């Protein structure tokens, strides 16, 4: 098995890797949103 076959995944590589990328982007967006929300709540607590 070589790397090209691994990434191609029998013709399903586009869907598999696309799903991984979409998941990572959404998880990253969730983390950023949570960090912003936490910062906002802490600022509200100080007032």
C-alpha atoms as a PDB file:
ATOM      1  CA  UNK A   1       0.000   0.000   0.000  1.00  0.00           C
ATOM      2  CA  UNK A   2       1.329   3.425  -0.875  1.00  0.00           C
ATOM      3  CA  UNK A   3       0.221   6.883   0.259  1.00  0.00           C
ATOM      4  CA  UNK A   4      -1.773   7.587  -2.912  1.00  0.00           C
ATOM      5  CA  UNK A   5      -3.910   4.497  -2.324  1.00  0.00           C
ATOM      6  CA  UNK A   6      -4.333   5.421   1.317  1.00  0.00           C
ATOM      7  CA  UNK A   7      -5.623   8.901   0.480  1.00  0.00           C
ATOM      8  CA  UNK A   8      -7.735   7.642  -2.435  1.00  0.00           C
ATOM      9  CA  UNK A   9      -9.423   5.017  -0.203  1.00  0.00           C
ATOM     10  CA  UNK A  10     -10.879   3.003  -3.027  1.00  0.00           C
ATOM     11  CA  UNK A  11     -12.602   5.995  -4.593  1.00  0.00           C
ATOM     12  CA  UNK A  12     -14.182   7.241  -1.369  1.00  0.00           C
ATOM     13  CA  UNK A  13     -11.284   9.426  -0.261  1.00  0.00           C
ATOM     14  CA  UNK A  14     -13.019  12.660  -1.251  1.00  0.00           C
ATOM     15  CA  UNK A  15     -15.967  11.877   1.036  1.00  0.00           C
ATOM     16  CA  UNK A  16     -13.883  10.503   3.886  1.00  0.00           C
ATOM     17  CA  UNK A  17     -11.330  13.322   3.947  1.00  0.00           C
ATOM     18  CA  UNK A  18     -14.028  15.910   3.299  1.00  0.00           C
ATOM     19  CA  UNK A  19     -15.899  14.620   6.337  1.00  0.00           C
ATOM     20  CA  UNK A  20     -12.774  14.780   8.478  1.00  0.00           C
ATOM     21  CA  UNK A  21     -12.040  18.333   7.348  1.00  0.00           C
ATOM     22  CA  UNK A  22     -15.629  19.480   7.914  1.00  0.00           C
ATOM     23  CA  UNK A  23     -15.619  17.919  11.388  1.00  0.00           C
ATOM     24  CA  UNK A  24     -12.334  19.585  12.334  1.00  0.00           C
ATOM     25  CA  UNK A  25     -13.558  22.968  11.087  1.00  0.00           C
ATOM     26  CA  UNK A  26     -16.821  22.662  13.018  1.00  0.00           C
ATOM     27  CA  UNK A  27     -15.065  21.508  16.192  1.00  0.00           C
ATOM     28  CA  UNK A  28     -12.609  24.391  15.895  1.00  0.00           C
ATOM     29  CA  UNK A  29     -15.477  26.850  15.437  1.00  0.00           C
ATOM     30  CA  UNK A  30     -17.206  25.390  18.503  1.00  0.00           C
ATOM     31  CA  UNK A  31     -14.075  25.808  20.631  1.00  0.00           C
ATOM     32  CA  UNK A  32     -13.644  29.413  19.478  1.00  0.00           C
ATOM     33  CA  UNK A  33     -17.291  30.167  20.195  1.00  0.00           C
ATOM     34  CA  UNK A  34     -17.010  28.667  23.676  1.00  0.00           C
ATOM     35  CA  UNK A  35     -13.864  30.676  24.429  1.00  0.00           C
ATOM     36  CA  UNK A  36     -15.535  33.900  23.294  1.00  0.00           C
ATOM     37  CA  UNK A  37     -18.635  33.114  25.356  1.00  0.00           C
ATOM     38  CA  UNK A  38     -16.530  32.402  28.438  1.00  0.00           C
ATOM     39  CA  UNK A  39     -14.678  35.687  27.996  1.00  0.00           C
ATOM     40  CA  UNK A  40     -17.971  37.547  27.587  1.00  0.00           C
ATOM     41  CA  UNK A  41     -19.439  35.965  30.719  1.00  0.00           C
ATOM     42  CA  UNK A  42     -16.341  36.804  32.746  1.00  0.00           C
ATOM     43  CA  UNK A  43     -16.534  40.426  31.590  1.00  0.00           C
ATOM     44  CA  UNK A  44     -20.205  40.558  32.582  1.00  0.00           C
ATOM     45  CA  UNK A  45     -19.323  39.128  36.003  1.00  0.00           C
ATOM     46  CA  UNK A  46     -16.840  41.940  36.615  1.00  0.00           C
ATOM     47  CA  UNK A  47     -19.502  44.623  36.092  1.00  0.00           C
END
